[in-house]
Amino acid sequence: MKTLFKTFLISAFFLLTANSTFGQQKKTIQTAIIKTAIYCDHRKVCETCGPNFNQALLKEKGVQMVVLDDKAMTIKVTYNSKKTDLEKIKTAISKLGYDADEIEADIVAYEGLDGCCKKA
């Protein structure tokens, strides 16, 4: 009877320990809103800041979804934090020629944007 009770206590201890360990794991799917500057008035069909922009960001490892809001001048990015981080995503946006929060647009990439995508 004592061994059965000891076995039960040990099992309960391991079960509670495992449950608290797994409960503390960080969520891997993150969403971030990044401030940018997009001046194009026809973004949905624009070759520079429309579908090509989304496709380029979706090619970044870990990026799952991109929503560009030209009115609010934000980019909502959903990503897997085990595969990438917010700084890498901001750098990728910068390399496309756009500001990403505190990271300024890459000058060469910005010069390559269509005229409609640049600040007037």
PDB file of N, CA and C in Angstrom:
ATOM      1  N   MET A   1       0.818  -1.191   0.000  1.00  0.00           N
ATOM      2  CA  MET A   1       0.000   0.000   0.000  1.00  0.00           C
ATOM      3  C   MET A   1       0.866   1.261   0.000  1.00  0.00           C
ATOM      4  N   LYS A   2       1.987   1.225   0.788  1.00  0.00           N
ATOM      5  CA  LYS A   2       2.863   2.384   0.842  1.00  0.00           C
ATOM      6  C   LYS A   2       3.510   2.653  -0.514  1.00  0.00           C
ATOM      7  N   THR A   3       3.892   1.599  -1.237  1.00  0.00           N
ATOM      8  CA  THR A   3       4.509   1.792  -2.551  1.00  0.00           C
ATOM      9  C   THR A   3       3.507   2.353  -3.552  1.00  0.00           C
ATOM     10  N   LEU A   4       2.288   1.970  -3.468  1.00  0.00           N
ATOM     11  CA  LEU A   4       1.267   2.501  -4.349  1.00  0.00           C
ATOM     12  C   LEU A   4       1.078   4.000  -4.082  1.00  0.00           C
ATOM     13  N   PHE A   5       1.064   4.371  -2.808  1.00  0.00           N
ATOM     14  CA  PHE A   5       0.909   5.770  -2.428  1.00  0.00           C
ATOM     15  C   PHE A   5       2.116   6.582  -2.887  1.00  0.00           C
ATOM     16  N   LYS A   6       3.335   6.049  -2.715  1.00  0.00           N
ATOM     17  CA  LYS A   6       4.545   6.737  -3.160  1.00  0.00           C
ATOM     18  C   LYS A   6       4.541   6.915  -4.681  1.00  0.00           C
ATOM     19  N   THR A   7       4.148   5.887  -5.391  1.00  0.00           N
ATOM     20  CA  THR A   7       4.081   5.953  -6.847  1.00  0.00           C
ATOM     21  C   THR A   7       3.092   7.035  -7.282  1.00  0.00           C
ATOM     22  N   PHE A   8       1.960   7.097  -6.596  1.00  0.00           N
ATOM     23  CA  PHE A   8       0.954   8.112  -6.911  1.00  0.00           C
ATOM     24  C   PHE A   8       1.513   9.516  -6.667  1.00  0.00           C
ATOM     25  N   LEU A   9       2.193   9.731  -5.554  1.00  0.00           N
ATOM     26  CA  LEU A   9       2.753  11.043  -5.239  1.00  0.00           C
ATOM     27  C   LEU A   9       3.828  11.459  -6.245  1.00  0.00           C
ATOM     28  N   ILE A  10       4.676  10.531  -6.602  1.00  0.00           N
ATOM     29  CA  ILE A  10       5.733  10.826  -7.572  1.00  0.00           C
ATOM     30  C   ILE A  10       5.122  11.162  -8.933  1.00  0.00           C
ATOM     31  N   SER A  11       4.134  10.401  -9.344  1.00  0.00           N
ATOM     32  CA  SER A  11       3.465  10.663 -10.622  1.00  0.00           C
ATOM     33  C   SER A  11       2.790  12.028 -10.612  1.00  0.00           C
ATOM     34  N   ALA A  12       2.105  12.359  -9.530  1.00  0.00           N
ATOM     35  CA  ALA A  12       1.427  13.648  -9.415  1.00  0.00           C
ATOM     36  C   ALA A  12       2.447  14.789  -9.459  1.00  0.00           C
ATOM     37  N   PHE A  13       3.584  14.626  -8.790  1.00  0.00           N
ATOM     38  CA  PHE A  13       4.627  15.640  -8.794  1.00  0.00           C
ATOM     39  C   PHE A  13       5.133  15.901 -10.212  1.00  0.00           C
ATOM     40  N   PHE A  14       5.457  14.836 -10.947  1.00  0.00           N
ATOM     41  CA  PHE A  14       5.953  14.991 -12.306  1.00  0.00           C
ATOM     42  C   PHE A  14       4.900  15.589 -13.228  1.00  0.00           C
ATOM     43  N   LEU A  15       3.663  15.208 -13.044  1.00  0.00           N
ATOM     44  CA  LEU A  15       2.586  15.752 -13.863  1.00  0.00           C
ATOM     45  C   LEU A  15       2.418  17.252 -13.625  1.00  0.00           C
ATOM     46  N   LEU A  16       2.443  17.682 -12.383  1.00  0.00           N
ATOM     47  CA  LEU A  16       2.308  19.104 -12.068  1.00  0.00           C
ATOM     48  C   LEU A  16       3.522  19.903 -12.543  1.00  0.00           C
ATOM     49  N   THR A  17       4.702  19.343 -12.405  1.00  0.00           N
ATOM     50  CA  THR A  17       5.921  20.013 -12.865  1.00  0.00           C
ATOM     51  C   THR A  17       5.903  20.180 -14.382  1.00  0.00           C
ATOM     52  N   ALA A  18       5.539  19.141 -15.095  1.00  0.00           N
ATOM     53  CA  ALA A  18       5.487  19.206 -16.558  1.00  0.00           C
ATOM     54  C   ALA A  18       4.435  20.215 -17.012  1.00  0.00           C
ATOM     55  N   ASN A  19       3.311  20.235 -16.348  1.00  0.00           N
ATOM     56  CA  ASN A  19       2.237  21.157 -16.719  1.00  0.00           C
ATOM     57  C   ASN A  19       2.672  22.602 -16.522  1.00  0.00           C
ATOM     58  N   SER A  20       3.340  22.917 -15.439  1.00  0.00           N
ATOM     59  CA  SER A  20       3.767  24.301 -15.216  1.00  0.00           C
ATOM     60  C   SER A  20       4.887  24.700 -16.173  1.00  0.00           C
ATOM     61  N   THR A  21       5.747  23.776 -16.547  1.00  0.00           N
ATOM     62  CA  THR A  21       6.826  24.063 -17.494  1.00  0.00           C
ATOM     63  C   THR A  21       6.257  24.377 -18.869  1.00  0.00           C
ATOM     64  N   PHE A  22       5.331  23.568 -19.351  1.00  0.00           N
ATOM     65  CA  PHE A  22       4.757  23.799 -20.665  1.00  0.00           C
ATOM     66  C   PHE A  22       3.864  25.028 -20.675  1.00  0.00           C
ATOM     67  N   GLY A  23       3.255  25.359 -19.585  1.00  0.00           N
ATOM     68  CA  GLY A  23       2.403  26.534 -19.500  1.00  0.00           C
ATOM     69  C   GLY A  23       3.180  27.826 -19.593  1.00  0.00           C
ATOM     70  N   GLN A  24       4.482  27.798 -19.327  1.00  0.00           N
ATOM     71  CA  GLN A  24       5.295  28.996 -19.348  1.00  0.00           C
ATOM     72  C   GLN A  24       5.966  29.242 -20.695  1.00  0.00           C
ATOM     73  N   GLN A  25       5.774  28.349 -21.663  1.00  0.00           N
ATOM     74  CA  GLN A  25       6.409  28.540 -22.961  1.00  0.00           C
ATOM     75  C   GLN A  25       5.848  29.771 -23.661  1.00  0.00           C
ATOM     76  N   LYS A  26       6.716  30.478 -24.345  1.00  0.00           N
ATOM     77  CA  LYS A  26       6.352  31.699 -25.057  1.00  0.00           C
ATOM     78  C   LYS A  26       5.563  31.339 -26.326  1.00  0.00           C
ATOM     79  N   LYS A  27       4.564  32.137 -26.630  1.00  0.00           N
ATOM     80  CA  LYS A  27       3.813  31.936 -27.859  1.00  0.00           C
ATOM     81  C   LYS A  27       4.754  32.142 -29.040  1.00  0.00           C
ATOM     82  N   THR A  28       4.668  31.249 -30.008  1.00  0.00           N
ATOM     83  CA  THR A  28       5.576  31.355 -31.150  1.00  0.00           C
ATOM     84  C   THR A  28       5.008  32.226 -32.265  1.00  0.00           C
ATOM     85  N   ILE A  29       3.702  32.350 -32.346  1.00  0.00           N
ATOM     86  CA  ILE A  29       3.102  33.189 -33.377  1.00  0.00           C
ATOM     87  C   ILE A  29       2.869  34.579 -32.788  1.00  0.00           C
ATOM     88  N   GLN A  30       3.531  35.566 -33.362  1.00  0.00           N
ATOM     89  CA  GLN A  30       3.464  36.949 -32.875  1.00  0.00           C
ATOM     90  C   GLN A  30       2.883  37.834 -33.978  1.00  0.00           C
ATOM     91  N   THR A  31       2.280  38.928 -33.577  1.00  0.00           N
ATOM     92  CA  THR A  31       1.793  39.932 -34.516  1.00  0.00           C
ATOM     93  C   THR A  31       2.351  41.281 -34.098  1.00  0.00           C
ATOM     94  N   ALA A  32       2.839  42.024 -35.059  1.00  0.00           N
ATOM     95  CA  ALA A  32       3.399  43.349 -34.773  1.00  0.00           C
ATOM     96  C   ALA A  32       2.857  44.353 -35.780  1.00  0.00           C
ATOM     97  N   ILE A  33       2.694  45.576 -35.327  1.00  0.00           N
ATOM     98  CA  ILE A  33       2.294  46.675 -36.205  1.00  0.00           C
ATOM     99  C   ILE A  33       3.505  47.591 -36.326  1.00  0.00           C
ATOM    100  N   ILE A  34       3.967  47.757 -37.555  1.00  0.00           N
ATOM    101  CA  ILE A  34       5.170  48.537 -37.832  1.00  0.00           C
ATOM    102  C   ILE A  34       4.766  49.816 -38.555  1.00  0.00           C
ATOM    103  N   LYS A  35       5.216  50.927 -38.034  1.00  0.00           N
ATOM    104  CA  LYS A  35       4.936  52.238 -38.646  1.00  0.00           C
ATOM    105  C   LYS A  35       5.855  52.423 -39.849  1.00  0.00           C
ATOM    106  N   THR A  36       5.295  52.919 -40.937  1.00  0.00           N
ATOM    107  CA  THR A  36       6.072  53.132 -42.154  1.00  0.00           C
ATOM    108  C   THR A  36       5.588  54.399 -42.843  1.00  0.00           C
ATOM    109  N   ALA A  37       6.061  54.638 -44.044  1.00  0.00           N
ATOM    110  CA  ALA A  37       5.619  55.792 -44.834  1.00  0.00           C
ATOM    111  C   ALA A  37       5.358  55.322 -46.255  1.00  0.00           C
ATOM    112  N   ILE A  38       4.071  55.230 -46.604  1.00  0.00           N
ATOM    113  CA  ILE A  38       3.673  54.796 -47.942  1.00  0.00           C
ATOM    114  C   ILE A  38       2.788  55.885 -48.523  1.00  0.00           C
ATOM    115  N   TYR A  39       3.194  56.418 -49.638  1.00  0.00           N
ATOM    116  CA  TYR A  39       2.485  57.559 -50.213  1.00  0.00           C
ATOM    117  C   TYR A  39       1.698  57.194 -51.471  1.00  0.00           C
ATOM    118  N   CYS A  40       1.760  55.982 -51.908  1.00  0.00           N
ATOM    119  CA  CYS A  40       1.099  55.552 -53.136  1.00  0.00           C
ATOM    120  C   CYS A  40      -0.424  55.543 -52.945  1.00  0.00           C
ATOM    121  N   ASP A  41      -1.143  56.136 -53.894  1.00  0.00           N
ATOM    122  CA  ASP A  41      -2.602  56.187 -53.773  1.00  0.00           C
ATOM    123  C   ASP A  41      -3.296  55.020 -54.485  1.00  0.00           C
ATOM    124  N   HIS A  42      -2.530  54.162 -55.131  1.00  0.00           N
ATOM    125  CA  HIS A  42      -3.114  52.997 -55.808  1.00  0.00           C
ATOM    126  C   HIS A  42      -2.350  51.724 -55.416  1.00  0.00           C
ATOM    127  N   ARG A  43      -2.108  51.595 -54.128  1.00  0.00           N
ATOM    128  CA  ARG A  43      -1.273  50.544 -53.580  1.00  0.00           C
ATOM    129  C   ARG A  43      -1.682  49.135 -54.004  1.00  0.00           C
ATOM    130  N   LYS A  44      -2.956  48.853 -54.074  1.00  0.00           N
ATOM    131  CA  LYS A  44      -3.396  47.488 -54.368  1.00  0.00           C
ATOM    132  C   LYS A  44      -2.957  46.989 -55.748  1.00  0.00           C
ATOM    133  N   VAL A  45      -2.761  47.896 -56.692  1.00  0.00           N
ATOM    134  CA  VAL A  45      -2.330  47.489 -58.028  1.00  0.00           C
ATOM    135  C   VAL A  45      -0.930  47.965 -58.380  1.00  0.00           C
ATOM    136  N   CYS A  46      -0.325  48.753 -57.513  1.00  0.00           N
ATOM    137  CA  CYS A  46       1.014  49.283 -57.767  1.00  0.00           C
ATOM    138  C   CYS A  46       2.026  48.135 -57.760  1.00  0.00           C
ATOM    139  N   GLU A  47       2.878  48.092 -58.776  1.00  0.00           N
ATOM    140  CA  GLU A  47       3.861  47.019 -58.873  1.00  0.00           C
ATOM    141  C   GLU A  47       4.916  47.097 -57.773  1.00  0.00           C
ATOM    142  N   THR A  48       5.176  48.272 -57.263  1.00  0.00           N
ATOM    143  CA  THR A  48       6.221  48.426 -56.258  1.00  0.00           C
ATOM    144  C   THR A  48       5.716  48.131 -54.849  1.00  0.00           C
ATOM    145  N   CYS A  49       4.648  48.786 -54.443  1.00  0.00           N
ATOM    146  CA  CYS A  49       4.229  48.647 -53.042  1.00  0.00           C
ATOM    147  C   CYS A  49       2.986  47.788 -52.867  1.00  0.00           C
ATOM    148  N   GLY A  50       2.487  47.205 -53.932  1.00  0.00           N
ATOM    149  CA  GLY A  50       1.303  46.361 -53.844  1.00  0.00           C
ATOM    150  C   GLY A  50       1.665  44.901 -53.650  1.00  0.00           C
ATOM    151  N   PRO A  51       1.217  44.051 -54.563  1.00  0.00           N
ATOM    152  CA  PRO A  51       1.443  42.603 -54.425  1.00  0.00           C
ATOM    153  C   PRO A  51       2.924  42.218 -54.314  1.00  0.00           C
ATOM    154  N   ASN A  52       3.799  42.906 -55.041  1.00  0.00           N
ATOM    155  CA  ASN A  52       5.226  42.567 -54.964  1.00  0.00           C
ATOM    156  C   ASN A  52       5.789  42.812 -53.566  1.00  0.00           C
ATOM    157  N   PHE A  53       5.332  43.880 -52.916  1.00  0.00           N
ATOM    158  CA  PHE A  53       5.758  44.182 -51.553  1.00  0.00           C
ATOM    159  C   PHE A  53       5.362  43.031 -50.622  1.00  0.00           C
ATOM    160  N   ASN A  54       4.096  42.626 -50.714  1.00  0.00           N
ATOM    161  CA  ASN A  54       3.608  41.527 -49.872  1.00  0.00           C
ATOM    162  C   ASN A  54       4.372  40.237 -50.151  1.00  0.00           C
ATOM    163  N   GLN A  55       4.566  39.932 -51.432  1.00  0.00           N
ATOM    164  CA  GLN A  55       5.268  38.702 -51.788  1.00  0.00           C
ATOM    165  C   GLN A  55       6.701  38.707 -51.287  1.00  0.00           C
ATOM    166  N   ALA A  56       7.369  39.848 -51.372  1.00  0.00           N
ATOM    167  CA  ALA A  56       8.758  39.932 -50.910  1.00  0.00           C
ATOM    168  C   ALA A  56       8.837  39.688 -49.401  1.00  0.00           C
ATOM    169  N   LEU A  57       7.915  40.256 -48.643  1.00  0.00           N
ATOM    170  CA  LEU A  57       7.936  40.039 -47.194  1.00  0.00           C
ATOM    171  C   LEU A  57       7.540  38.612 -46.834  1.00  0.00           C
ATOM    172  N   LEU A  58       6.616  38.034 -47.577  1.00  0.00           N
ATOM    173  CA  LEU A  58       6.201  36.656 -47.294  1.00  0.00           C
ATOM    174  C   LEU A  58       7.314  35.655 -47.589  1.00  0.00           C
ATOM    175  N   LYS A  59       8.294  36.042 -48.392  1.00  0.00           N
ATOM    176  CA  LYS A  59       9.437  35.172 -48.662  1.00  0.00           C
ATOM    177  C   LYS A  59      10.421  35.145 -47.495  1.00  0.00           C
ATOM    178  N   GLU A  60      10.307  36.121 -46.599  1.00  0.00           N
ATOM    179  CA  GLU A  60      11.176  36.144 -45.419  1.00  0.00           C
ATOM    180  C   GLU A  60      10.822  34.960 -44.525  1.00  0.00           C
ATOM    181  N   LYS A  61      11.829  34.258 -44.076  1.00  0.00           N
ATOM    182  CA  LYS A  61      11.627  33.074 -43.234  1.00  0.00           C
ATOM    183  C   LYS A  61      10.839  33.456 -41.980  1.00  0.00           C
ATOM    184  N   GLY A  62       9.748  32.737 -41.725  1.00  0.00           N
ATOM    185  CA  GLY A  62       8.950  32.929 -40.524  1.00  0.00           C
ATOM    186  C   GLY A  62       7.782  33.887 -40.680  1.00  0.00           C
ATOM    187  N   VAL A  63       7.776  34.710 -41.729  1.00  0.00           N
ATOM    188  CA  VAL A  63       6.672  35.650 -41.932  1.00  0.00           C
ATOM    189  C   VAL A  63       5.485  34.884 -42.510  1.00  0.00           C
ATOM    190  N   GLN A  64       4.331  35.017 -41.851  1.00  0.00           N
ATOM    191  CA  GLN A  64       3.154  34.260 -42.275  1.00  0.00           C
ATOM    192  C   GLN A  64       2.083  35.113 -42.948  1.00  0.00           C
ATOM    193  N   MET A  65       1.969  36.377 -42.538  1.00  0.00           N
ATOM    194  CA  MET A  65       0.933  37.229 -43.111  1.00  0.00           C
ATOM    195  C   MET A  65       1.381  38.680 -43.050  1.00  0.00           C
ATOM    196  N   VAL A  66       1.036  39.436 -44.095  1.00  0.00           N
ATOM    197  CA  VAL A  66       1.375  40.854 -44.176  1.00  0.00           C
ATOM    198  C   VAL A  66       0.131  41.618 -44.601  1.00  0.00           C
ATOM    199  N   VAL A  67      -0.212  42.653 -43.829  1.00  0.00           N
ATOM    200  CA  VAL A  67      -1.337  43.515 -44.182  1.00  0.00           C
ATOM    201  C   VAL A  67      -0.821  44.948 -44.201  1.00  0.00           C
ATOM    202  N   LEU A  68      -0.859  45.540 -45.371  1.00  0.00           N
ATOM    203  CA  LEU A  68      -0.367  46.900 -45.566  1.00  0.00           C
ATOM    204  C   LEU A  68      -1.552  47.855 -45.499  1.00  0.00           C
ATOM    205  N   ASP A  69      -1.499  48.821 -44.590  1.00  0.00           N
ATOM    206  CA  ASP A  69      -2.562  49.817 -44.447  1.00  0.00           C
ATOM    207  C   ASP A  69      -1.990  51.170 -44.856  1.00  0.00           C
ATOM    208  N   ASP A  70      -2.275  51.579 -46.096  1.00  0.00           N
ATOM    209  CA  ASP A  70      -1.684  52.815 -46.610  1.00  0.00           C
ATOM    210  C   ASP A  70      -2.284  54.062 -45.965  1.00  0.00           C
ATOM    211  N   LYS A  71      -3.510  53.980 -45.481  1.00  0.00           N
ATOM    212  CA  LYS A  71      -4.123  55.147 -44.831  1.00  0.00           C
ATOM    213  C   LYS A  71      -3.501  55.407 -43.455  1.00  0.00           C
ATOM    214  N   ALA A  72      -3.313  54.350 -42.678  1.00  0.00           N
ATOM    215  CA  ALA A  72      -2.692  54.482 -41.353  1.00  0.00           C
ATOM    216  C   ALA A  72      -1.169  54.458 -41.444  1.00  0.00           C
ATOM    217  N   MET A  73      -0.654  54.127 -42.624  1.00  0.00           N
ATOM    218  CA  MET A  73       0.791  53.983 -42.863  1.00  0.00           C
ATOM    219  C   MET A  73       1.416  53.001 -41.873  1.00  0.00           C
ATOM    220  N   THR A  74       0.821  51.799 -41.837  1.00  0.00           N
ATOM    221  CA  THR A  74       1.334  50.730 -40.986  1.00  0.00           C
ATOM    222  C   THR A  74       1.391  49.423 -41.771  1.00  0.00           C
ATOM    223  N   ILE A  75       2.216  48.536 -41.264  1.00  0.00           N
ATOM    224  CA  ILE A  75       2.315  47.189 -41.804  1.00  0.00           C
ATOM    225  C   ILE A  75       2.070  46.242 -40.631  1.00  0.00           C
ATOM    226  N   LYS A  76       1.043  45.428 -40.745  1.00  0.00           N
ATOM    227  CA  LYS A  76       0.753  44.432 -39.711  1.00  0.00           C
ATOM    228  C   LYS A  76       1.379  43.118 -40.177  1.00  0.00           C
ATOM    229  N   VAL A  77       2.291  42.594 -39.384  1.00  0.00           N
ATOM    230  CA  VAL A  77       3.018  41.386 -39.754  1.00  0.00           C
ATOM    231  C   VAL A  77       2.769  40.302 -38.708  1.00  0.00           C
ATOM    232  N   THR A  78       2.379  39.131 -39.180  1.00  0.00           N
ATOM    233  CA  THR A  78       2.237  37.956 -38.317  1.00  0.00           C
ATOM    234  C   THR A  78       3.402  37.036 -38.654  1.00  0.00           C
ATOM    235  N   TYR A  79       4.133  36.611 -37.615  1.00  0.00           N
ATOM    236  CA  TYR A  79       5.348  35.833 -37.858  1.00  0.00           C
ATOM    237  C   TYR A  79       5.572  34.798 -36.763  1.00  0.00           C
ATOM    238  N   ASN A  80       6.409  33.822 -37.073  1.00  0.00           N
ATOM    239  CA  ASN A  80       6.793  32.775 -36.132  1.00  0.00           C
ATOM    240  C   ASN A  80       8.078  33.225 -35.444  1.00  0.00           C
ATOM    241  N   SER A  81       7.999  33.480 -34.156  1.00  0.00           N
ATOM    242  CA  SER A  81       9.153  34.015 -33.428  1.00  0.00           C
ATOM    243  C   SER A  81      10.272  32.991 -33.230  1.00  0.00           C
ATOM    244  N   LYS A  82      10.015  31.729 -33.541  1.00  0.00           N
ATOM    245  CA  LYS A  82      11.095  30.738 -33.491  1.00  0.00           C
ATOM    246  C   LYS A  82      11.947  30.794 -34.755  1.00  0.00           C
ATOM    247  N   LYS A  83      11.388  31.371 -35.825  1.00  0.00           N
ATOM    248  CA  LYS A  83      12.101  31.413 -37.099  1.00  0.00           C
ATOM    249  C   LYS A  83      12.675  32.785 -37.433  1.00  0.00           C
ATOM    250  N   THR A  84      12.113  33.843 -36.867  1.00  0.00           N
ATOM    251  CA  THR A  84      12.586  35.194 -37.148  1.00  0.00           C
ATOM    252  C   THR A  84      12.255  36.098 -35.972  1.00  0.00           C
ATOM    253  N   ASP A  85      12.710  37.318 -36.048  1.00  0.00           N
ATOM    254  CA  ASP A  85      12.358  38.283 -34.998  1.00  0.00           C
ATOM    255  C   ASP A  85      11.985  39.607 -35.652  1.00  0.00           C
ATOM    256  N   LEU A  86      11.478  40.503 -34.840  1.00  0.00           N
ATOM    257  CA  LEU A  86      10.962  41.767 -35.339  1.00  0.00           C
ATOM    258  C   LEU A  86      12.041  42.612 -36.010  1.00  0.00           C
ATOM    259  N   GLU A  87      13.247  42.590 -35.489  1.00  0.00           N
ATOM    260  CA  GLU A  87      14.337  43.377 -36.093  1.00  0.00           C
ATOM    261  C   GLU A  87      14.663  42.897 -37.503  1.00  0.00           C
ATOM    262  N   LYS A  88      14.648  41.595 -37.726  1.00  0.00           N
ATOM    263  CA  LYS A  88      14.922  41.058 -39.066  1.00  0.00           C
ATOM    264  C   LYS A  88      13.831  41.473 -40.044  1.00  0.00           C
ATOM    265  N   ILE A  89      12.588  41.483 -39.567  1.00  0.00           N
ATOM    266  CA  ILE A  89      11.475  41.886 -40.428  1.00  0.00           C
ATOM    267  C   ILE A  89      11.590  43.369 -40.774  1.00  0.00           C
ATOM    268  N   LYS A  90      11.913  44.192 -39.784  1.00  0.00           N
ATOM    269  CA  LYS A  90      12.077  45.628 -40.034  1.00  0.00           C
ATOM    270  C   LYS A  90      13.218  45.882 -41.010  1.00  0.00           C
ATOM    271  N   THR A  91      14.289  45.138 -40.886  1.00  0.00           N
ATOM    272  CA  THR A  91      15.422  45.277 -41.807  1.00  0.00           C
ATOM    273  C   THR A  91      15.003  44.889 -43.226  1.00  0.00           C
ATOM    274  N   ALA A  92      14.202  43.835 -43.346  1.00  0.00           N
ATOM    275  CA  ALA A  92      13.722  43.407 -44.665  1.00  0.00           C
ATOM    276  C   ALA A  92      12.846  44.491 -45.293  1.00  0.00           C
ATOM    277  N   ILE A  93      12.013  45.147 -44.488  1.00  0.00           N
ATOM    278  CA  ILE A  93      11.173  46.240 -44.989  1.00  0.00           C
ATOM    279  C   ILE A  93      12.057  47.394 -45.448  1.00  0.00           C
ATOM    280  N   SER A  94      13.078  47.691 -44.670  1.00  0.00           N
ATOM    281  CA  SER A  94      14.011  48.761 -45.022  1.00  0.00           C
ATOM    282  C   SER A  94      14.695  48.464 -46.353  1.00  0.00           C
ATOM    283  N   LYS A  95      15.059  47.219 -46.580  1.00  0.00           N
ATOM    284  CA  LYS A  95      15.729  46.828 -47.822  1.00  0.00           C
ATOM    285  C   LYS A  95      14.796  46.911 -49.028  1.00  0.00           C
ATOM    286  N   LEU A  96      13.486  47.000 -48.769  1.00  0.00           N
ATOM    287  CA  LEU A  96      12.522  47.194 -49.850  1.00  0.00           C
ATOM    288  C   LEU A  96      12.339  48.677 -50.187  1.00  0.00           C
ATOM    289  N   GLY A  97      12.919  49.553 -49.343  1.00  0.00           N
ATOM    290  CA  GLY A  97      12.860  50.986 -49.612  1.00  0.00           C
ATOM    291  C   GLY A  97      11.885  51.758 -48.738  1.00  0.00           C
ATOM    292  N   TYR A  98      11.432  51.136 -47.664  1.00  0.00           N
ATOM    293  CA  TYR A  98      10.456  51.780 -46.781  1.00  0.00           C
ATOM    294  C   TYR A  98      10.989  51.869 -45.360  1.00  0.00           C
ATOM    295  N   ASP A  99      10.564  52.899 -44.641  1.00  0.00           N
ATOM    296  CA  ASP A  99      10.890  52.997 -43.218  1.00  0.00           C
ATOM    297  C   ASP A  99      10.147  51.900 -42.460  1.00  0.00           C
ATOM    298  N   ALA A 100      10.750  51.463 -41.367  1.00  0.00           N
ATOM    299  CA  ALA A 100      10.120  50.455 -40.506  1.00  0.00           C
ATOM    300  C   ALA A 100      10.396  50.858 -39.062  1.00  0.00           C
ATOM    301  N   ASP A 101       9.456  51.573 -38.472  1.00  0.00           N
ATOM    302  CA  ASP A 101       9.610  52.146 -37.135  1.00  0.00           C
ATOM    303  C   ASP A 101      10.877  53.001 -37.101  1.00  0.00           C
ATOM    304  N   GLU A 102      11.831  52.630 -36.268  1.00  0.00           N
ATOM    305  CA  GLU A 102      13.043  53.433 -36.106  1.00  0.00           C
ATOM    306  C   GLU A 102      14.104  53.160 -37.174  1.00  0.00           C
ATOM    307  N   ILE A 103      13.897  52.133 -37.986  1.00  0.00           N
ATOM    308  CA  ILE A 103      14.870  51.800 -39.036  1.00  0.00           C
ATOM    309  C   ILE A 103      14.472  52.523 -40.318  1.00  0.00           C
ATOM    310  N   GLU A 104      15.361  53.363 -40.809  1.00  0.00           N
ATOM    311  CA  GLU A 104      15.083  54.137 -42.017  1.00  0.00           C
ATOM    312  C   GLU A 104      15.258  53.276 -43.264  1.00  0.00           C
ATOM    313  N   ALA A 105      14.558  53.666 -44.309  1.00  0.00           N
ATOM    314  CA  ALA A 105      14.617  52.951 -45.581  1.00  0.00           C
ATOM    315  C   ALA A 105      16.032  52.960 -46.141  1.00  0.00           C
ATOM    316  N   ASP A 106      16.409  51.854 -46.737  1.00  0.00           N
ATOM    317  CA  ASP A 106      17.683  51.759 -47.439  1.00  0.00           C
ATOM    318  C   ASP A 106      17.643  52.758 -48.601  1.00  0.00           C
ATOM    319  N   ILE A 107      18.638  53.632 -48.681  1.00  0.00           N
ATOM    320  CA  ILE A 107      18.638  54.733 -49.656  1.00  0.00           C
ATOM    321  C   ILE A 107      18.611  54.206 -51.091  1.00  0.00           C
ATOM    322  N   VAL A 108      19.400  53.200 -51.377  1.00  0.00           N
ATOM    323  CA  VAL A 108      19.447  52.656 -52.738  1.00  0.00           C
ATOM    324  C   VAL A 108      18.098  52.041 -53.105  1.00  0.00           C
ATOM    325  N   ALA A 109      17.506  51.298 -52.177  1.00  0.00           N
ATOM    326  CA  ALA A 109      16.202  50.687 -52.437  1.00  0.00           C
ATOM    327  C   ALA A 109      15.128  51.756 -52.612  1.00  0.00           C
ATOM    328  N   TYR A 110      15.185  52.806 -51.793  1.00  0.00           N
ATOM    329  CA  TYR A 110      14.211  53.897 -51.899  1.00  0.00           C
ATOM    330  C   TYR A 110      14.293  54.567 -53.269  1.00  0.00           C
ATOM    331  N   GLU A 111      15.495  54.790 -53.755  1.00  0.00           N
ATOM    332  CA  GLU A 111      15.672  55.425 -55.074  1.00  0.00           C
ATOM    333  C   GLU A 111      15.111  54.544 -56.184  1.00  0.00           C
ATOM    334  N   GLY A 112      15.066  53.246 -55.955  1.00  0.00           N
ATOM    335  CA  GLY A 112      14.543  52.322 -56.956  1.00  0.00           C
ATOM    336  C   GLY A 112      13.027  52.202 -56.975  1.00  0.00           C
ATOM    337  N   LEU A 113      12.345  52.804 -56.002  1.00  0.00           N
ATOM    338  CA  LEU A 113      10.890  52.757 -55.972  1.00  0.00           C
ATOM    339  C   LEU A 113      10.301  53.578 -57.112  1.00  0.00           C
ATOM    340  N   ASP A 114       9.083  53.226 -57.523  1.00  0.00           N
ATOM    341  CA  ASP A 114       8.369  54.035 -58.503  1.00  0.00           C
ATOM    342  C   ASP A 114       8.117  55.412 -57.904  1.00  0.00           C
ATOM    343  N   GLY A 115       7.992  56.410 -58.753  1.00  0.00           N
ATOM    344  CA  GLY A 115       7.761  57.780 -58.293  1.00  0.00           C
ATOM    345  C   GLY A 115       6.518  57.930 -57.425  1.00  0.00           C
ATOM    346  N   CYS A 116       5.487  57.108 -57.706  1.00  0.00           N
ATOM    347  CA  CYS A 116       4.242  57.213 -56.935  1.00  0.00           C
ATOM    348  C   CYS A 116       4.406  56.742 -55.498  1.00  0.00           C
ATOM    349  N   CYS A 117       5.451  56.012 -55.218  1.00  0.00           N
ATOM    350  CA  CYS A 117       5.657  55.438 -53.885  1.00  0.00           C
ATOM    351  C   CYS A 117       6.551  56.317 -52.989  1.00  0.00           C
ATOM    352  N   LYS A 118       7.066  57.380 -53.568  1.00  0.00           N
ATOM    353  CA  LYS A 118       7.983  58.251 -52.824  1.00  0.00           C
ATOM    354  C   LYS A 118       7.238  59.467 -52.299  1.00  0.00           C
ATOM    355  N   LYS A 119       7.788  60.053 -51.257  1.00  0.00           N
ATOM    356  CA  LYS A 119       7.209  61.262 -50.694  1.00  0.00           C
ATOM    357  C   LYS A 119       7.335  62.387 -51.714  1.00  0.00           C
ATOM    358  N   ALA A 120       6.247  63.101 -51.906  1.00  0.00           N
ATOM    359  CA  ALA A 120       6.237  64.162 -52.921  1.00  0.00           C
ATOM    360  C   ALA A 120       7.064  65.359 -52.495  1.00  0.00           C
TER     361      ALA A 120
END
